[in-house]
Amino acid sequence: MAALEERIYEGNRAKECLENEAFIWAFEGIEQELTEAWRTSPARDAEGREKIYLSLQLLTKLKATITHSLETGKLADLELQHKKTLADRAKEILRF
């Protein structure tokens, strides 16, 4: 169960991060800044645009990774609840 509890813990931390106003503001601010930099960059600056694109991809990957941790934690919590329910049922059956 330690692995399940660890995933639940990580999922809870991910939820805190995704719901944190400072994180939300920072994420949105960086995304807007990069998008604006890309929009206003000269067409001839392919290398600069590529760096901006990679930065946006990294930002997206970061959020996706945190969201994945959140979802994994939710699933681990459901699995742990299910195991506890099965254990409780087994105890009841064995008492009779």
PDB file of N, CA and C in Angstrom:
ATOM      1  N   MET A   1       0.807  -1.200   0.000  1.00  0.00           N
ATOM      2  CA  MET A   1       0.000   0.000   0.000  1.00  0.00           C
ATOM      3  C   MET A   1       0.848   1.261   0.000  1.00  0.00           C
ATOM      4  N   ALA A   2       2.092   1.152   0.338  1.00  0.00           N
ATOM      5  CA  ALA A   2       2.948   2.336   0.397  1.00  0.00           C
ATOM      6  C   ALA A   2       3.020   3.034  -0.958  1.00  0.00           C
ATOM      7  N   ALA A   3       3.064   2.255  -2.034  1.00  0.00           N
ATOM      8  CA  ALA A   3       3.125   2.855  -3.373  1.00  0.00           C
ATOM      9  C   ALA A   3       1.845   3.624  -3.666  1.00  0.00           C
ATOM     10  N   LEU A   4       0.699   3.055  -3.278  1.00  0.00           N
ATOM     11  CA  LEU A   4      -0.572   3.752  -3.481  1.00  0.00           C
ATOM     12  C   LEU A   4      -0.608   5.046  -2.681  1.00  0.00           C
ATOM     13  N   GLU A   5      -0.189   4.956  -1.431  1.00  0.00           N
ATOM     14  CA  GLU A   5      -0.207   6.145  -0.579  1.00  0.00           C
ATOM     15  C   GLU A   5       0.748   7.217  -1.101  1.00  0.00           C
ATOM     16  N   GLU A   6       1.860   6.794  -1.669  1.00  0.00           N
ATOM     17  CA  GLU A   6       2.813   7.746  -2.240  1.00  0.00           C
ATOM     18  C   GLU A   6       2.202   8.457  -3.455  1.00  0.00           C
ATOM     19  N   ARG A   7       1.507   7.689  -4.295  1.00  0.00           N
ATOM     20  CA  ARG A   7       0.855   8.303  -5.463  1.00  0.00           C
ATOM     21  C   ARG A   7      -0.264   9.247  -5.035  1.00  0.00           C
ATOM     22  N   ILE A   8      -0.981   8.883  -3.978  1.00  0.00           N
ATOM     23  CA  ILE A   8      -2.032   9.762  -3.458  1.00  0.00           C
ATOM     24  C   ILE A   8      -1.412  11.051  -2.944  1.00  0.00           C
ATOM     25  N   TYR A   9      -0.323  10.932  -2.198  1.00  0.00           N
ATOM     26  CA  TYR A   9       0.380  12.108  -1.674  1.00  0.00           C
ATOM     27  C   TYR A   9       0.834  13.016  -2.820  1.00  0.00           C
ATOM     28  N   GLU A  10       1.471  12.425  -3.832  1.00  0.00           N
ATOM     29  CA  GLU A  10       1.944  13.212  -4.974  1.00  0.00           C
ATOM     30  C   GLU A  10       0.776  13.858  -5.714  1.00  0.00           C
ATOM     31  N   GLY A  11      -0.323  13.127  -5.839  1.00  0.00           N
ATOM     32  CA  GLY A  11      -1.515  13.676  -6.487  1.00  0.00           C
ATOM     33  C   GLY A  11      -2.083  14.860  -5.731  1.00  0.00           C
ATOM     34  N   ASN A  12      -2.084  14.758  -4.406  1.00  0.00           N
ATOM     35  CA  ASN A  12      -2.568  15.877  -3.589  1.00  0.00           C
ATOM     36  C   ASN A  12      -1.669  17.099  -3.732  1.00  0.00           C
ATOM     37  N   ARG A  13      -0.363  16.873  -3.783  1.00  0.00           N
ATOM     38  CA  ARG A  13       0.569  18.003  -3.980  1.00  0.00           C
ATOM     39  C   ARG A  13       0.362  18.622  -5.365  1.00  0.00           C
ATOM     40  N   ALA A  14       0.130  17.788  -6.367  1.00  0.00           N
ATOM     41  CA  ALA A  14      -0.115  18.291  -7.723  1.00  0.00           C
ATOM     42  C   ALA A  14      -1.383  19.134  -7.754  1.00  0.00           C
ATOM     43  N   LYS A  15      -2.409  18.677  -7.043  1.00  0.00           N
ATOM     44  CA  LYS A  15      -3.667  19.433  -6.982  1.00  0.00           C
ATOM     45  C   LYS A  15      -3.429  20.795  -6.348  1.00  0.00           C
ATOM     46  N   GLU A  16      -2.673  20.807  -5.253  1.00  0.00           N
ATOM     47  CA  GLU A  16      -2.356  22.079  -4.597  1.00  0.00           C
ATOM     48  C   GLU A  16      -1.641  23.024  -5.561  1.00  0.00           C
ATOM     49  N   CYS A  17      -0.736  22.478  -6.328  1.00  0.00           N
ATOM     50  CA  CYS A  17       0.023  23.281  -7.289  1.00  0.00           C
ATOM     51  C   CYS A  17      -0.904  23.848  -8.360  1.00  0.00           C
ATOM     52  N   LEU A  18      -1.730  22.996  -8.948  1.00  0.00           N
ATOM     53  CA  LEU A  18      -2.606  23.425 -10.037  1.00  0.00           C
ATOM     54  C   LEU A  18      -3.682  24.401  -9.580  1.00  0.00           C
ATOM     55  N   GLU A  19      -4.046  24.348  -8.300  1.00  0.00           N
ATOM     56  CA  GLU A  19      -5.067  25.251  -7.775  1.00  0.00           C
ATOM     57  C   GLU A  19      -4.468  26.490  -7.119  1.00  0.00           C
ATOM     58  N   ASN A  20      -3.153  26.550  -7.037  1.00  0.00           N
ATOM     59  CA  ASN A  20      -2.470  27.673  -6.402  1.00  0.00           C
ATOM     60  C   ASN A  20      -2.530  28.898  -7.312  1.00  0.00           C
ATOM     61  N   GLU A  21      -3.036  30.011  -6.774  1.00  0.00           N
ATOM     62  CA  GLU A  21      -3.189  31.227  -7.576  1.00  0.00           C
ATOM     63  C   GLU A  21      -1.864  31.709  -8.144  1.00  0.00           C
ATOM     64  N   ALA A  22      -0.820  31.655  -7.352  1.00  0.00           N
ATOM     65  CA  ALA A  22       0.488  32.122  -7.819  1.00  0.00           C
ATOM     66  C   ALA A  22       0.967  31.277  -9.000  1.00  0.00           C
ATOM     67  N   PHE A  23       0.766  29.971  -8.925  1.00  0.00           N
ATOM     68  CA  PHE A  23       1.147  29.098 -10.037  1.00  0.00           C
ATOM     69  C   PHE A  23       0.322  29.426 -11.272  1.00  0.00           C
ATOM     70  N   ILE A  24      -0.969  29.589 -11.087  1.00  0.00           N
ATOM     71  CA  ILE A  24      -1.855  29.902 -12.213  1.00  0.00           C
ATOM     72  C   ILE A  24      -1.437  31.208 -12.872  1.00  0.00           C
ATOM     73  N   TRP A  25      -1.208  32.235 -12.050  1.00  0.00           N
ATOM     74  CA  TRP A  25      -0.804  33.538 -12.601  1.00  0.00           C
ATOM     75  C   TRP A  25       0.527  33.428 -13.336  1.00  0.00           C
ATOM     76  N   ALA A  26       1.471  32.742 -12.726  1.00  0.00           N
ATOM     77  CA  ALA A  26       2.794  32.601 -13.346  1.00  0.00           C
ATOM     78  C   ALA A  26       2.691  31.836 -14.662  1.00  0.00           C
ATOM     79  N   PHE A  27       1.966  30.740 -14.644  1.00  0.00           N
ATOM     80  CA  PHE A  27       1.827  29.924 -15.847  1.00  0.00           C
ATOM     81  C   PHE A  27       1.176  30.732 -16.968  1.00  0.00           C
ATOM     82  N   GLU A  28       0.067  31.396 -16.652  1.00  0.00           N
ATOM     83  CA  GLU A  28      -0.630  32.191 -17.662  1.00  0.00           C
ATOM     84  C   GLU A  28       0.229  33.353 -18.149  1.00  0.00           C
ATOM     85  N   GLY A  29       0.941  33.985 -17.225  1.00  0.00           N
ATOM     86  CA  GLY A  29       1.802  35.105 -17.595  1.00  0.00           C
ATOM     87  C   GLY A  29       2.920  34.686 -18.533  1.00  0.00           C
ATOM     88  N   ILE A  30       3.561  33.578 -18.213  1.00  0.00           N
ATOM     89  CA  ILE A  30       4.644  33.080 -19.069  1.00  0.00           C
ATOM     90  C   ILE A  30       4.096  32.699 -20.441  1.00  0.00           C
ATOM     91  N   GLU A  31       2.962  32.033 -20.442  1.00  0.00           N
ATOM     92  CA  GLU A  31       2.357  31.623 -21.710  1.00  0.00           C
ATOM     93  C   GLU A  31       2.003  32.839 -22.571  1.00  0.00           C
ATOM     94  N   GLN A  32       1.418  33.864 -21.954  1.00  0.00           N
ATOM     95  CA  GLN A  32       1.074  35.084 -22.696  1.00  0.00           C
ATOM     96  C   GLN A  32       2.325  35.791 -23.204  1.00  0.00           C
ATOM     97  N   GLU A  33       3.332  35.850 -22.365  1.00  0.00           N
ATOM     98  CA  GLU A  33       4.587  36.506 -22.745  1.00  0.00           C
ATOM     99  C   GLU A  33       5.242  35.800 -23.933  1.00  0.00           C
ATOM    100  N   LEU A  34       5.294  34.489 -23.882  1.00  0.00           N
ATOM    101  CA  LEU A  34       5.890  33.733 -24.982  1.00  0.00           C
ATOM    102  C   LEU A  34       5.064  33.858 -26.261  1.00  0.00           C
ATOM    103  N   THR A  35       3.754  33.802 -26.119  1.00  0.00           N
ATOM    104  CA  THR A  35       2.885  33.930 -27.286  1.00  0.00           C
ATOM    105  C   THR A  35       3.040  35.303 -27.929  1.00  0.00           C
ATOM    106  N   GLU A  36       3.105  36.327 -27.107  1.00  0.00           N
ATOM    107  CA  GLU A  36       3.293  37.686 -27.625  1.00  0.00           C
ATOM    108  C   GLU A  36       4.666  37.825 -28.288  1.00  0.00           C
ATOM    109  N   ALA A  37       5.684  37.242 -27.690  1.00  0.00           N
ATOM    110  CA  ALA A  37       7.026  37.292 -28.277  1.00  0.00           C
ATOM    111  C   ALA A  37       7.038  36.594 -29.635  1.00  0.00           C
ATOM    112  N   TRP A  38       6.343  35.482 -29.738  1.00  0.00           N
ATOM    113  CA  TRP A  38       6.267  34.772 -31.012  1.00  0.00           C
ATOM    114  C   TRP A  38       5.504  35.600 -32.044  1.00  0.00           C
ATOM    115  N   ARG A  39       4.369  36.170 -31.610  1.00  0.00           N
ATOM    116  CA  ARG A  39       3.520  36.951 -32.514  1.00  0.00           C
ATOM    117  C   ARG A  39       4.246  38.166 -33.077  1.00  0.00           C
ATOM    118  N   THR A  40       5.072  38.798 -32.259  1.00  0.00           N
ATOM    119  CA  THR A  40       5.747  40.029 -32.683  1.00  0.00           C
ATOM    120  C   THR A  40       7.157  39.797 -33.220  1.00  0.00           C
ATOM    121  N   SER A  41       7.588  38.551 -33.259  1.00  0.00           N
ATOM    122  CA  SER A  41       8.950  38.279 -33.744  1.00  0.00           C
ATOM    123  C   SER A  41       9.010  38.449 -35.263  1.00  0.00           C
ATOM    124  N   PRO A  42      10.152  38.902 -35.758  1.00  0.00           N
ATOM    125  CA  PRO A  42      10.301  39.061 -37.209  1.00  0.00           C
ATOM    126  C   PRO A  42      10.245  37.702 -37.916  1.00  0.00           C
ATOM    127  N   ALA A  43       9.661  37.680 -39.070  1.00  0.00           N
ATOM    128  CA  ALA A  43       9.527  36.441 -39.838  1.00  0.00           C
ATOM    129  C   ALA A  43      10.888  35.821 -40.149  1.00  0.00           C
ATOM    130  N   ARG A  44      11.904  36.635 -40.278  1.00  0.00           N
ATOM    131  CA  ARG A  44      13.234  36.125 -40.628  1.00  0.00           C
ATOM    132  C   ARG A  44      13.952  35.476 -39.435  1.00  0.00           C
ATOM    133  N   ASP A  45      13.388  35.627 -38.226  1.00  0.00           N
ATOM    134  CA  ASP A  45      14.033  35.090 -37.019  1.00  0.00           C
ATOM    135  C   ASP A  45      13.528  33.676 -36.720  1.00  0.00           C
ATOM    136  N   ALA A  46      13.843  32.755 -37.604  1.00  0.00           N
ATOM    137  CA  ALA A  46      13.385  31.370 -37.440  1.00  0.00           C
ATOM    138  C   ALA A  46      13.954  30.736 -36.173  1.00  0.00           C
ATOM    139  N   GLU A  47      15.204  31.025 -35.876  1.00  0.00           N
ATOM    140  CA  GLU A  47      15.834  30.448 -34.684  1.00  0.00           C
ATOM    141  C   GLU A  47      15.152  30.951 -33.405  1.00  0.00           C
ATOM    142  N   GLY A  48      14.854  32.235 -33.362  1.00  0.00           N
ATOM    143  CA  GLY A  48      14.163  32.801 -32.199  1.00  0.00           C
ATOM    144  C   GLY A  48      12.772  32.218 -32.030  1.00  0.00           C
ATOM    145  N   ARG A  49      12.059  32.073 -33.144  1.00  0.00           N
ATOM    146  CA  ARG A  49      10.715  31.483 -33.093  1.00  0.00           C
ATOM    147  C   ARG A  49      10.779  30.026 -32.620  1.00  0.00           C
ATOM    148  N   GLU A  50      11.798  29.322 -33.055  1.00  0.00           N
ATOM    149  CA  GLU A  50      11.964  27.928 -32.640  1.00  0.00           C
ATOM    150  C   GLU A  50      12.185  27.840 -31.129  1.00  0.00           C
ATOM    151  N   LYS A  51      12.976  28.741 -30.584  1.00  0.00           N
ATOM    152  CA  LYS A  51      13.206  28.755 -29.133  1.00  0.00           C
ATOM    153  C   LYS A  51      11.913  29.055 -28.379  1.00  0.00           C
ATOM    154  N   ILE A  52      11.137  29.995 -28.903  1.00  0.00           N
ATOM    155  CA  ILE A  52       9.850  30.322 -28.271  1.00  0.00           C
ATOM    156  C   ILE A  52       8.923  29.108 -28.331  1.00  0.00           C
ATOM    157  N   TYR A  53       8.885  28.468 -29.481  1.00  0.00           N
ATOM    158  CA  TYR A  53       8.055  27.272 -29.648  1.00  0.00           C
ATOM    159  C   TYR A  53       8.454  26.190 -28.641  1.00  0.00           C
ATOM    160  N   LEU A  54       9.743  25.943 -28.515  1.00  0.00           N
ATOM    161  CA  LEU A  54      10.221  24.933 -27.568  1.00  0.00           C
ATOM    162  C   LEU A  54       9.877  25.310 -26.131  1.00  0.00           C
ATOM    163  N   SER A  55       9.953  26.592 -25.815  1.00  0.00           N
ATOM    164  CA  SER A  55       9.591  27.053 -24.473  1.00  0.00           C
ATOM    165  C   SER A  55       8.110  26.815 -24.209  1.00  0.00           C
ATOM    166  N   LEU A  56       7.272  27.099 -25.188  1.00  0.00           N
ATOM    167  CA  LEU A  56       5.833  26.846 -25.039  1.00  0.00           C
ATOM    168  C   LEU A  56       5.549  25.353 -24.891  1.00  0.00           C
ATOM    169  N   GLN A  57       6.278  24.534 -25.642  1.00  0.00           N
ATOM    170  CA  GLN A  57       6.100  23.085 -25.529  1.00  0.00           C
ATOM    171  C   GLN A  57       6.499  22.595 -24.140  1.00  0.00           C
ATOM    172  N   LEU A  58       7.578  23.132 -23.621  1.00  0.00           N
ATOM    173  CA  LEU A  58       8.036  22.755 -22.285  1.00  0.00           C
ATOM    174  C   LEU A  58       7.017  23.166 -21.225  1.00  0.00           C
ATOM    175  N   LEU A  59       6.456  24.350 -21.375  1.00  0.00           N
ATOM    176  CA  LEU A  59       5.439  24.832 -20.445  1.00  0.00           C
ATOM    177  C   LEU A  59       4.217  23.909 -20.470  1.00  0.00           C
ATOM    178  N   THR A  60       3.812  23.523 -21.667  1.00  0.00           N
ATOM    179  CA  THR A  60       2.680  22.610 -21.821  1.00  0.00           C
ATOM    180  C   THR A  60       2.993  21.249 -21.202  1.00  0.00           C
ATOM    181  N   LYS A  61       4.198  20.766 -21.418  1.00  0.00           N
ATOM    182  CA  LYS A  61       4.619  19.476 -20.856  1.00  0.00           C
ATOM    183  C   LYS A  61       4.643  19.519 -19.327  1.00  0.00           C
ATOM    184  N   LEU A  62       5.093  20.633 -18.779  1.00  0.00           N
ATOM    185  CA  LEU A  62       5.124  20.796 -17.328  1.00  0.00           C
ATOM    186  C   LEU A  62       3.724  20.673 -16.744  1.00  0.00           C
ATOM    187  N   LYS A  63       2.782  21.404 -17.322  1.00  0.00           N
ATOM    188  CA  LYS A  63       1.409  21.357 -16.815  1.00  0.00           C
ATOM    189  C   LYS A  63       0.808  19.962 -17.006  1.00  0.00           C
ATOM    190  N   ALA A  64       1.085  19.328 -18.142  1.00  0.00           N
ATOM    191  CA  ALA A  64       0.566  17.983 -18.395  1.00  0.00           C
ATOM    192  C   ALA A  64       1.130  16.976 -17.392  1.00  0.00           C
ATOM    193  N   THR A  65       2.389  17.121 -17.040  1.00  0.00           N
ATOM    194  CA  THR A  65       3.018  16.215 -16.079  1.00  0.00           C
ATOM    195  C   THR A  65       2.393  16.376 -14.692  1.00  0.00           C
ATOM    196  N   ILE A  66       2.160  17.608 -14.293  1.00  0.00           N
ATOM    197  CA  ILE A  66       1.530  17.855 -12.990  1.00  0.00           C
ATOM    198  C   ILE A  66       0.099  17.326 -12.997  1.00  0.00           C
ATOM    199  N   THR A  67      -0.624  17.548 -14.092  1.00  0.00           N
ATOM    200  CA  THR A  67      -1.993  17.046 -14.217  1.00  0.00           C
ATOM    201  C   THR A  67      -2.013  15.518 -14.184  1.00  0.00           C
ATOM    202  N   HIS A  68      -1.043  14.893 -14.813  1.00  0.00           N
ATOM    203  CA  HIS A  68      -0.941  13.430 -14.794  1.00  0.00           C
ATOM    204  C   HIS A  68      -0.739  12.924 -13.364  1.00  0.00           C
ATOM    205  N   SER A  69       0.083  13.611 -12.594  1.00  0.00           N
ATOM    206  CA  SER A  69       0.294  13.229 -11.190  1.00  0.00           C
ATOM    207  C   SER A  69      -1.003  13.340 -10.405  1.00  0.00           C
ATOM    208  N   LEU A  70      -1.766  14.387 -10.683  1.00  0.00           N
ATOM    209  CA  LEU A  70      -3.056  14.568 -10.024  1.00  0.00           C
ATOM    210  C   LEU A  70      -3.985  13.403 -10.354  1.00  0.00           C
ATOM    211  N   GLU A  71      -4.108  13.068 -11.624  1.00  0.00           N
ATOM    212  CA  GLU A  71      -4.998  11.983 -12.046  1.00  0.00           C
ATOM    213  C   GLU A  71      -4.531  10.630 -11.510  1.00  0.00           C
ATOM    214  N   THR A  72      -3.235  10.402 -11.504  1.00  0.00           N
ATOM    215  CA  THR A  72      -2.689   9.159 -10.958  1.00  0.00           C
ATOM    216  C   THR A  72      -3.016   9.048  -9.472  1.00  0.00           C
ATOM    217  N   GLY A  73      -2.927  10.158  -8.762  1.00  0.00           N
ATOM    218  CA  GLY A  73      -3.270  10.175  -7.345  1.00  0.00           C
ATOM    219  C   GLY A  73      -4.735   9.866  -7.102  1.00  0.00           C
ATOM    220  N   LYS A  74      -5.598  10.396  -7.951  1.00  0.00           N
ATOM    221  CA  LYS A  74      -7.033  10.118  -7.823  1.00  0.00           C
ATOM    222  C   LYS A  74      -7.316   8.631  -8.030  1.00  0.00           C
ATOM    223  N   LEU A  75      -6.686   8.066  -9.050  1.00  0.00           N
ATOM    224  CA  LEU A  75      -6.879   6.635  -9.312  1.00  0.00           C
ATOM    225  C   LEU A  75      -6.328   5.778  -8.176  1.00  0.00           C
ATOM    226  N   ALA A  76      -5.195   6.161  -7.634  1.00  0.00           N
ATOM    227  CA  ALA A  76      -4.612   5.422  -6.511  1.00  0.00           C
ATOM    228  C   ALA A  76      -5.533   5.487  -5.299  1.00  0.00           C
ATOM    229  N   ASP A  77      -6.154   6.631  -5.077  1.00  0.00           N
ATOM    230  CA  ASP A  77      -7.084   6.783  -3.960  1.00  0.00           C
ATOM    231  C   ASP A  77      -8.285   5.857  -4.144  1.00  0.00           C
ATOM    232  N   LEU A  78      -8.819   5.806  -5.351  1.00  0.00           N
ATOM    233  CA  LEU A  78      -9.939   4.899  -5.621  1.00  0.00           C
ATOM    234  C   LEU A  78      -9.532   3.439  -5.414  1.00  0.00           C
ATOM    235  N   GLU A  79      -8.343   3.090  -5.867  1.00  0.00           N
ATOM    236  CA  GLU A  79      -7.855   1.720  -5.701  1.00  0.00           C
ATOM    237  C   GLU A  79      -7.689   1.372  -4.225  1.00  0.00           C
ATOM    238  N   LEU A  80      -7.151   2.300  -3.450  1.00  0.00           N
ATOM    239  CA  LEU A  80      -6.964   2.070  -2.022  1.00  0.00           C
ATOM    240  C   LEU A  80      -8.313   1.909  -1.319  1.00  0.00           C
ATOM    241  N   GLN A  81      -9.279   2.753  -1.668  1.00  0.00           N
ATOM    242  CA  GLN A  81     -10.616   2.635  -1.085  1.00  0.00           C
ATOM    243  C   GLN A  81     -11.234   1.282  -1.429  1.00  0.00           C
ATOM    244  N   HIS A  82     -11.055   0.860  -2.670  1.00  0.00           N
ATOM    245  CA  HIS A  82     -11.595  -0.425  -3.109  1.00  0.00           C
ATOM    246  C   HIS A  82     -10.961  -1.573  -2.319  1.00  0.00           C
ATOM    247  N   LYS A  83      -9.658  -1.534  -2.140  1.00  0.00           N
ATOM    248  CA  LYS A  83      -8.969  -2.585  -1.386  1.00  0.00           C
ATOM    249  C   LYS A  83      -9.437  -2.617   0.065  1.00  0.00           C
ATOM    250  N   LYS A  84      -9.640  -1.443   0.650  1.00  0.00           N
ATOM    251  CA  LYS A  84     -10.115  -1.395   2.039  1.00  0.00           C
ATOM    252  C   LYS A  84     -11.526  -1.952   2.139  1.00  0.00           C
ATOM    253  N   THR A  85     -12.363  -1.642   1.152  1.00  0.00           N
ATOM    254  CA  THR A  85     -13.726  -2.162   1.142  1.00  0.00           C
ATOM    255  C   THR A  85     -13.711  -3.683   1.034  1.00  0.00           C
ATOM    256  N   LEU A  86     -12.878  -4.207   0.156  1.00  0.00           N
ATOM    257  CA  LEU A  86     -12.773  -5.662   0.023  1.00  0.00           C
ATOM    258  C   LEU A  86     -12.264  -6.301   1.310  1.00  0.00           C
ATOM    259  N   ALA A  87     -11.304  -5.675   1.950  1.00  0.00           N
ATOM    260  CA  ALA A  87     -10.768  -6.207   3.208  1.00  0.00           C
ATOM    261  C   ALA A  87     -11.842  -6.195   4.288  1.00  0.00           C
ATOM    262  N   ASP A  88     -12.631  -5.125   4.345  1.00  0.00           N
ATOM    263  CA  ASP A  88     -13.712  -5.042   5.328  1.00  0.00           C
ATOM    264  C   ASP A  88     -14.757  -6.124   5.076  1.00  0.00           C
ATOM    265  N   ARG A  89     -15.094  -6.355   3.827  1.00  0.00           N
ATOM    266  CA  ARG A  89     -16.064  -7.405   3.494  1.00  0.00           C
ATOM    267  C   ARG A  89     -15.532  -8.778   3.887  1.00  0.00           C
ATOM    268  N   ALA A  90     -14.268  -9.012   3.621  1.00  0.00           N
ATOM    269  CA  ALA A  90     -13.666 -10.303   3.976  1.00  0.00           C
ATOM    270  C   ALA A  90     -13.707 -10.512   5.488  1.00  0.00           C
ATOM    271  N   LYS A  91     -13.435  -9.475   6.262  1.00  0.00           N
ATOM    272  CA  LYS A  91     -13.488  -9.580   7.723  1.00  0.00           C
ATOM    273  C   LYS A  91     -14.893  -9.918   8.193  1.00  0.00           C
ATOM    274  N   GLU A  92     -15.901  -9.281   7.581  1.00  0.00           N
ATOM    275  CA  GLU A  92     -17.285  -9.551   7.966  1.00  0.00           C
ATOM    276  C   GLU A  92     -17.664 -10.999   7.666  1.00  0.00           C
ATOM    277  N   ILE A  93     -17.248 -11.480   6.519  1.00  0.00           N
ATOM    278  CA  ILE A  93     -17.571 -12.857   6.129  1.00  0.00           C
ATOM    279  C   ILE A  93     -16.888 -13.847   7.064  1.00  0.00           C
ATOM    280  N   LEU A  94     -15.655 -13.586   7.428  1.00  0.00           N
ATOM    281  CA  LEU A  94     -14.907 -14.504   8.286  1.00  0.00           C
ATOM    282  C   LEU A  94     -15.412 -14.503   9.724  1.00  0.00           C
ATOM    283  N   ARG A  95     -16.113 -13.478  10.134  1.00  0.00           N
ATOM    284  CA  ARG A  95     -16.664 -13.426  11.500  1.00  0.00           C
ATOM    285  C   ARG A  95     -17.828 -14.385  11.672  1.00  0.00           C
ATOM    286  N   PHE A  96     -18.509 -14.684  10.598  1.00  0.00           N
ATOM    287  CA  PHE A  96     -19.698 -15.538  10.701  1.00  0.00           C
ATOM    288  C   PHE A  96     -19.355 -16.969  10.671  1.00  0.00           C
TER     289      PHE A  96
END
